[in-house]
């Protein structure tokens, strides 16, 4: 059973070798965020174009049905 706890009141600064990997991780995450932001922007632009094309095709089909007599 422990009878007492002793704390070291000195604080040694972290070694620079600790910060380099952290900075690399942060940089990598920032690159991934940028990549996925661009990916999402491109996706939604293409999605809008697909919806516009879908509406155009639906309109053409409706027009053809009216011309042909409601097939």
PDB file of N, CA and C in Angstrom:
ATOM      1  N   UNK A   1       0.846  -1.167   0.000  1.00  0.00           N
ATOM      2  CA  UNK A   1       0.000   0.000   0.000  1.00  0.00           C
ATOM      3  C   UNK A   1       0.902   1.244   0.000  1.00  0.00           C
ATOM      4  N   UNK A   2       0.596   2.201  -0.835  1.00  0.00           N
ATOM      5  CA  UNK A   2       1.389   3.430  -0.922  1.00  0.00           C
ATOM      6  C   UNK A   2       1.053   4.331   0.243  1.00  0.00           C
ATOM      7  N   UNK A   3       2.094   4.922   0.808  1.00  0.00           N
ATOM      8  CA  UNK A   3       1.885   5.802   1.954  1.00  0.00           C
ATOM      9  C   UNK A   3       1.956   7.271   1.589  1.00  0.00           C
ATOM     10  N   UNK A   4       2.624   7.571   0.489  1.00  0.00           N
ATOM     11  CA  UNK A   4       2.700   8.970   0.078  1.00  0.00           C
ATOM     12  C   UNK A   4       3.009   9.056  -1.411  1.00  0.00           C
ATOM     13  N   UNK A   5       2.703  10.213  -1.988  1.00  0.00           N
ATOM     14  CA  UNK A   5       2.980  10.492  -3.400  1.00  0.00           C
ATOM     15  C   UNK A   5       3.844  11.727  -3.450  1.00  0.00           C
ATOM     16  N   UNK A   6       4.906  11.670  -4.242  1.00  0.00           N
ATOM     17  CA  UNK A   6       5.801  12.808  -4.387  1.00  0.00           C
ATOM     18  C   UNK A   6       5.755  13.283  -5.834  1.00  0.00           C
ATOM     19  N   UNK A   7       5.550  14.569  -6.022  1.00  0.00           N
ATOM     20  CA  UNK A   7       5.511  15.157  -7.352  1.00  0.00           C
ATOM     21  C   UNK A   7       6.791  15.933  -7.607  1.00  0.00           C
ATOM     22  N   UNK A   8       7.311  15.792  -8.819  1.00  0.00           N
ATOM     23  CA  UNK A   8       8.483  16.571  -9.231  1.00  0.00           C
ATOM     24  C   UNK A   8       7.979  17.907  -9.733  1.00  0.00           C
ATOM     25  N   UNK A   9       8.362  18.979  -9.069  1.00  0.00           N
ATOM     26  CA  UNK A   9       7.855  20.303  -9.425  1.00  0.00           C
ATOM     27  C   UNK A   9       8.589  20.930 -10.603  1.00  0.00           C
ATOM     28  N   UNK A  10       9.652  20.336 -11.068  1.00  0.00           N
ATOM     29  CA  UNK A  10      10.376  20.900 -12.216  1.00  0.00           C
ATOM     30  C   UNK A  10       9.687  20.462 -13.497  1.00  0.00           C
ATOM     31  N   UNK A  11       9.781  21.318 -14.481  1.00  0.00           N
ATOM     32  CA  UNK A  11       9.181  20.997 -15.784  1.00  0.00           C
ATOM     33  C   UNK A  11      10.241  21.201 -16.849  1.00  0.00           C
ATOM     34  N   UNK A  12      10.625  20.123 -17.469  1.00  0.00           N
ATOM     35  CA  UNK A  12      11.596  20.212 -18.556  1.00  0.00           C
ATOM     36  C   UNK A  12      10.830  20.414 -19.855  1.00  0.00           C
ATOM     37  N   UNK A  13      11.269  21.382 -20.657  1.00  0.00           N
ATOM     38  CA  UNK A  13      10.586  21.588 -21.939  1.00  0.00           C
ATOM     39  C   UNK A  13      10.691  20.345 -22.822  1.00  0.00           C
ATOM     40  N   UNK A  14       9.699  20.182 -23.679  1.00  0.00           N
ATOM     41  CA  UNK A  14       9.709  19.036 -24.583  1.00  0.00           C
ATOM     42  C   UNK A  14      10.840  19.181 -25.597  1.00  0.00           C
ATOM     43  N   UNK A  15      11.409  18.086 -25.936  1.00  0.00           N
ATOM     44  CA  UNK A  15      12.490  18.061 -26.912  1.00  0.00           C
ATOM     45  C   UNK A  15      11.940  18.406 -28.304  1.00  0.00           C
ATOM     46  N   UNK A  16      12.747  19.068 -29.133  1.00  0.00           N
ATOM     47  CA  UNK A  16      12.310  19.432 -30.483  1.00  0.00           C
ATOM     48  C   UNK A  16      11.925  18.214 -31.317  1.00  0.00           C
ATOM     49  N   UNK A  17      12.497  17.072 -31.015  1.00  0.00           N
ATOM     50  CA  UNK A  17      12.175  15.865 -31.786  1.00  0.00           C
ATOM     51  C   UNK A  17      10.720  15.450 -31.605  1.00  0.00           C
ATOM     52  N   UNK A  18      10.073  15.933 -30.566  1.00  0.00           N
ATOM     53  CA  UNK A  18       8.654  15.642 -30.346  1.00  0.00           C
ATOM     54  C   UNK A  18       7.792  16.473 -31.292  1.00  0.00           C
ATOM     55  N   UNK A  19       8.196  17.714 -31.545  1.00  0.00           N
ATOM     56  CA  UNK A  19       7.375  18.607 -32.341  1.00  0.00           C
ATOM     57  C   UNK A  19       7.409  18.305 -33.829  1.00  0.00           C
ATOM     58  N   UNK A  20       8.526  17.815 -34.332  1.00  0.00           N
ATOM     59  CA  UNK A  20       8.630  17.547 -35.768  1.00  0.00           C
ATOM     60  C   UNK A  20       7.560  16.565 -36.243  1.00  0.00           C
ATOM     61  N   UNK A  21       7.391  15.401 -35.593  1.00  0.00           N
ATOM     62  CA  UNK A  21       6.328  14.490 -36.041  1.00  0.00           C
ATOM     63  C   UNK A  21       4.931  15.110 -35.925  1.00  0.00           C
ATOM     64  N   UNK A  22       4.708  15.897 -34.874  1.00  0.00           N
ATOM     65  CA  UNK A  22       3.397  16.532 -34.694  1.00  0.00           C
ATOM     66  C   UNK A  22       3.144  17.516 -35.827  1.00  0.00           C
ATOM     67  N   UNK A  23       4.137  18.306 -36.195  1.00  0.00           N
ATOM     68  CA  UNK A  23       3.988  19.261 -37.292  1.00  0.00           C
ATOM     69  C   UNK A  23       3.737  18.533 -38.609  1.00  0.00           C
ATOM     70  N   UNK A  24       4.411  17.394 -38.805  1.00  0.00           N
ATOM     71  CA  UNK A  24       4.190  16.602 -40.026  1.00  0.00           C
ATOM     72  C   UNK A  24       2.773  16.037 -40.056  1.00  0.00           C
ATOM     73  N   UNK A  25       2.286  15.598 -38.927  1.00  0.00           N
ATOM     74  CA  UNK A  25       0.919  15.064 -38.854  1.00  0.00           C
ATOM     75  C   UNK A  25      -0.091  16.163 -39.158  1.00  0.00           C
ATOM     76  N   UNK A  26       0.108  17.338 -38.567  1.00  0.00           N
ATOM     77  CA  UNK A  26      -0.796  18.465 -38.814  1.00  0.00           C
ATOM     78  C   UNK A  26      -0.779  18.846 -40.297  1.00  0.00           C
ATOM     79  N   UNK A  27       0.398  18.901 -40.877  1.00  0.00           N
ATOM     80  CA  UNK A  27       0.521  19.231 -42.299  1.00  0.00           C
ATOM     81  C   UNK A  27      -0.188  18.198 -43.163  1.00  0.00           C
ATOM     82  N   UNK A  28      -0.014  16.942 -42.828  1.00  0.00           N
ATOM     83  CA  UNK A  28      -0.666  15.863 -43.577  1.00  0.00           C
ATOM     84  C   UNK A  28      -2.186  15.965 -43.483  1.00  0.00           C
ATOM     85  N   UNK A  29      -2.684  16.251 -42.296  1.00  0.00           N
ATOM     86  CA  UNK A  29      -4.134  16.390 -42.103  1.00  0.00           C
ATOM     87  C   UNK A  29      -4.660  17.591 -42.887  1.00  0.00           C
ATOM     88  N   UNK A  30      -3.912  18.692 -42.879  1.00  0.00           N
ATOM     89  CA  UNK A  30      -4.336  19.874 -43.637  1.00  0.00           C
ATOM     90  C   UNK A  30      -4.389  19.566 -45.130  1.00  0.00           C
ATOM     91  N   UNK A  31      -3.415  18.799 -45.632  1.00  0.00           N
ATOM     92  CA  UNK A  31      -3.422  18.409 -47.050  1.00  0.00           C
ATOM     93  C   UNK A  31      -4.630  17.542 -47.365  1.00  0.00           C
ATOM     94  N   UNK A  32      -4.951  16.611 -46.460  1.00  0.00           N
ATOM     95  CA  UNK A  32      -6.116  15.758 -46.677  1.00  0.00           C
ATOM     96  C   UNK A  32      -7.410  16.570 -46.669  1.00  0.00           C
ATOM     97  N   UNK A  33      -7.525  17.511 -45.750  1.00  0.00           N
ATOM     98  CA  UNK A  33      -8.721  18.354 -45.681  1.00  0.00           C
ATOM     99  C   UNK A  33      -8.870  19.138 -46.984  1.00  0.00           C
ATOM    100  N   UNK A  34      -7.771  19.718 -47.469  1.00  0.00           N
ATOM    101  CA  UNK A  34      -7.807  20.469 -48.731  1.00  0.00           C
ATOM    102  C   UNK A  34      -8.223  19.560 -49.884  1.00  0.00           C
ATOM    103  N   UNK A  35      -7.658  18.344 -49.922  1.00  0.00           N
ATOM    104  CA  UNK A  35      -7.995  17.394 -50.989  1.00  0.00           C
ATOM    105  C   UNK A  35      -9.491  17.077 -50.975  1.00  0.00           C
ATOM    106  N   UNK A  36     -10.019  16.768 -49.792  1.00  0.00           N
ATOM    107  CA  UNK A  36     -11.434  16.397 -49.709  1.00  0.00           C
ATOM    108  C   UNK A  36     -12.366  17.585 -49.944  1.00  0.00           C
ATOM    109  N   UNK A  37     -11.936  18.798 -49.601  1.00  0.00           N
ATOM    110  CA  UNK A  37     -12.746  19.976 -49.922  1.00  0.00           C
ATOM    111  C   UNK A  37     -12.856  20.130 -51.437  1.00  0.00           C
ATOM    112  N   UNK A  38     -11.729  19.985 -52.136  1.00  0.00           N
ATOM    113  CA  UNK A  38     -11.741  20.080 -53.599  1.00  0.00           C
ATOM    114  C   UNK A  38     -12.560  18.944 -54.202  1.00  0.00           C
ATOM    115  N   UNK A  39     -12.418  17.746 -53.638  1.00  0.00           N
ATOM    116  CA  UNK A  39     -13.181  16.601 -54.115  1.00  0.00           C
ATOM    117  C   UNK A  39     -14.673  16.854 -53.990  1.00  0.00           C
ATOM    118  N   UNK A  40     -15.107  17.362 -52.833  1.00  0.00           N
ATOM    119  CA  UNK A  40     -16.528  17.634 -52.619  1.00  0.00           C
ATOM    120  C   UNK A  40     -17.044  18.727 -53.545  1.00  0.00           C
ATOM    121  N   UNK A  41     -16.244  19.773 -53.754  1.00  0.00           N
ATOM    122  CA  UNK A  41     -16.646  20.832 -54.679  1.00  0.00           C
ATOM    123  C   UNK A  41     -16.848  20.264 -56.077  1.00  0.00           C
ATOM    124  N   UNK A  42     -15.899  19.448 -56.544  1.00  0.00           N
ATOM    125  CA  UNK A  42     -16.020  18.838 -57.873  1.00  0.00           C
ATOM    126  C   UNK A  42     -17.219  17.905 -57.929  1.00  0.00           C
ATOM    127  N   UNK A  43     -17.437  17.135 -56.857  1.00  0.00           N
ATOM    128  CA  UNK A  43     -18.566  16.217 -56.822  1.00  0.00           C
ATOM    129  C   UNK A  43     -19.883  16.960 -56.971  1.00  0.00           C
ATOM    130  N   UNK A  44     -20.054  18.034 -56.181  1.00  0.00           N
ATOM    131  CA  UNK A  44     -21.318  18.762 -56.230  1.00  0.00           C
ATOM    132  C   UNK A  44     -21.500  19.496 -57.555  1.00  0.00           C
ATOM    133  N   UNK A  45     -20.425  19.963 -58.177  1.00  0.00           N
ATOM    134  CA  UNK A  45     -20.539  20.572 -59.499  1.00  0.00           C
ATOM    135  C   UNK A  45     -21.010  19.529 -60.510  1.00  0.00           C
ATOM    136  N   UNK A  46     -20.421  18.339 -60.462  1.00  0.00           N
ATOM    137  CA  UNK A  46     -20.839  17.268 -61.369  1.00  0.00           C
ATOM    138  C   UNK A  46     -22.253  16.813 -61.060  1.00  0.00           C
ATOM    139  N   UNK A  47     -22.608  16.768 -59.789  1.00  0.00           N
ATOM    140  CA  UNK A  47     -23.952  16.361 -59.392  1.00  0.00           C
ATOM    141  C   UNK A  47     -24.986  17.332 -59.956  1.00  0.00           C
ATOM    142  N   UNK A  48     -24.699  18.629 -59.869  1.00  0.00           N
ATOM    143  CA  UNK A  48     -25.615  19.625 -60.425  1.00  0.00           C
ATOM    144  C   UNK A  48     -25.769  19.437 -61.926  1.00  0.00           C
ATOM    145  N   UNK A  49     -24.670  19.172 -62.632  1.00  0.00           N
ATOM    146  CA  UNK A  49     -24.740  18.943 -64.079  1.00  0.00           C
ATOM    147  C   UNK A  49     -25.565  17.699 -64.387  1.00  0.00           C
ATOM    148  N   UNK A  50     -25.412  16.650 -63.570  1.00  0.00           N
ATOM    149  CA  UNK A  50     -26.195  15.428 -63.789  1.00  0.00           C
ATOM    150  C   UNK A  50     -27.673  15.699 -63.585  1.00  0.00           C
ATOM    151  N   UNK A  51     -28.014  16.472 -62.570  1.00  0.00           N
ATOM    152  CA  UNK A  51     -29.416  16.776 -62.306  1.00  0.00           C
ATOM    153  C   UNK A  51     -30.006  17.619 -63.438  1.00  0.00           C
ATOM    154  N   UNK A  52     -29.212  18.565 -63.949  1.00  0.00           N
ATOM    155  CA  UNK A  52     -29.675  19.374 -65.072  1.00  0.00           C
ATOM    156  C   UNK A  52     -29.908  18.488 -66.298  1.00  0.00           C
ATOM    157  N   UNK A  53     -28.989  17.554 -66.550  1.00  0.00           N
ATOM    158  CA  UNK A  53     -29.145  16.637 -67.682  1.00  0.00           C
ATOM    159  C   UNK A  53     -30.355  15.737 -67.467  1.00  0.00           C
ATOM    160  N   UNK A  54     -30.568  15.282 -66.246  1.00  0.00           N
ATOM    161  CA  UNK A  54     -31.707  14.425 -65.931  1.00  0.00           C
ATOM    162  C   UNK A  54     -33.020  15.173 -66.178  1.00  0.00           C
ATOM    163  N   UNK A  55     -33.066  16.423 -65.740  1.00  0.00           N
ATOM    164  CA  UNK A  55     -34.270  17.224 -65.970  1.00  0.00           C
ATOM    165  C   UNK A  55     -34.503  17.435 -67.464  1.00  0.00           C
ATOM    166  N   UNK A  56     -33.423  17.634 -68.215  1.00  0.00           N
ATOM    167  CA  UNK A  56     -33.548  17.832 -69.654  1.00  0.00           C
ATOM    168  C   UNK A  56     -34.080  16.566 -70.334  1.00  0.00           C
ATOM    169  N   UNK A  57     -33.552  15.416 -69.938  1.00  0.00           N
ATOM    170  CA  UNK A  57     -34.014  14.147 -70.508  1.00  0.00           C
ATOM    171  C   UNK A  57     -35.473  13.912 -70.135  1.00  0.00           C
ATOM    172  N   UNK A  58     -35.833  14.181 -68.893  1.00  0.00           N
ATOM    173  CA  UNK A  58     -37.223  14.004 -68.459  1.00  0.00           C
ATOM    174  C   UNK A  58     -38.151  14.918 -69.259  1.00  0.00           C
ATOM    175  N   UNK A  59     -37.705  16.146 -69.510  1.00  0.00           N
ATOM    176  CA  UNK A  59     -38.512  17.075 -70.304  1.00  0.00           C
ATOM    177  C   UNK A  59     -38.668  16.576 -71.736  1.00  0.00           C
ATOM    178  N   UNK A  60     -37.582  16.051 -72.319  1.00  0.00           N
ATOM    179  CA  UNK A  60     -37.649  15.511 -73.680  1.00  0.00           C
ATOM    180  C   UNK A  60     -38.602  14.323 -73.754  1.00  0.00           C
ATOM    181  N   UNK A  61     -38.553  13.445 -72.764  1.00  0.00           N
ATOM    182  CA  UNK A  61     -39.450  12.283 -72.741  1.00  0.00           C
ATOM    183  C   UNK A  61     -40.898  12.741 -72.632  1.00  0.00           C
ATOM    184  N   UNK A  62     -41.163  13.729 -71.789  1.00  0.00           N
ATOM    185  CA  UNK A  62     -42.519  14.239 -71.634  1.00  0.00           C
ATOM    186  C   UNK A  62     -43.008  14.840 -72.954  1.00  0.00           C
ATOM    187  N   UNK A  63     -42.124  15.585 -73.635  1.00  0.00           N
ATOM    188  CA  UNK A  63     -42.501  16.186 -74.916  1.00  0.00           C
ATOM    189  C   UNK A  63     -42.785  15.114 -75.959  1.00  0.00           C
ATOM    190  N   UNK A  64     -41.963  14.057 -75.983  1.00  0.00           N
ATOM    191  CA  UNK A  64     -42.171  12.982 -76.947  1.00  0.00           C
ATOM    192  C   UNK A  64     -43.491  12.270 -76.677  1.00  0.00           C
ATOM    193  N   UNK A  65     -43.826  12.078 -75.401  1.00  0.00           N
ATOM    194  CA  UNK A  65     -45.081  11.426 -75.070  1.00  0.00           C
ATOM    195  C   UNK A  65     -46.259  12.252 -75.580  1.00  0.00           C
ATOM    196  N   UNK A  66     -46.156  13.573 -75.418  1.00  0.00           N
ATOM    197  CA  UNK A  66     -47.241  14.448 -75.859  1.00  0.00           C
ATOM    198  C   UNK A  66     -47.369  14.420 -77.400  1.00  0.00           C
ATOM    199  N   UNK A  67     -46.256  14.393 -78.096  1.00  0.00           N
ATOM    200  CA  UNK A  67     -46.273  14.379 -79.573  1.00  0.00           C
ATOM    201  C   UNK A  67     -46.807  13.058 -80.095  1.00  0.00           C
ATOM    202  N   UNK A  68     -46.377  11.962 -79.484  1.00  0.00           N
ATOM    203  CA  UNK A  68     -46.761  10.639 -79.975  1.00  0.00           C
ATOM    204  C   UNK A  68     -48.158  10.262 -79.504  1.00  0.00           C
ATOM    205  N   UNK A  69     -48.624  10.896 -78.530  1.00  0.00           N
ATOM    206  CA  UNK A  69     -49.998  10.622 -78.083  1.00  0.00           C
ATOM    207  C   UNK A  69     -50.082   9.837 -76.803  1.00  0.00           C
ATOM    208  N   UNK A  70     -49.150  10.096 -75.900  1.00  0.00           N
ATOM    209  CA  UNK A  70     -49.247   9.490 -74.558  1.00  0.00           C
ATOM    210  C   UNK A  70     -48.802   8.067 -74.464  1.00  0.00           C
ATOM    211  N   UNK A  71     -47.748   7.717 -75.153  1.00  0.00           N
ATOM    212  CA  UNK A  71     -47.232   6.335 -75.070  1.00  0.00           C
ATOM    213  C   UNK A  71     -46.817   6.027 -73.658  1.00  0.00           C
TER     214      UNK A  71
END
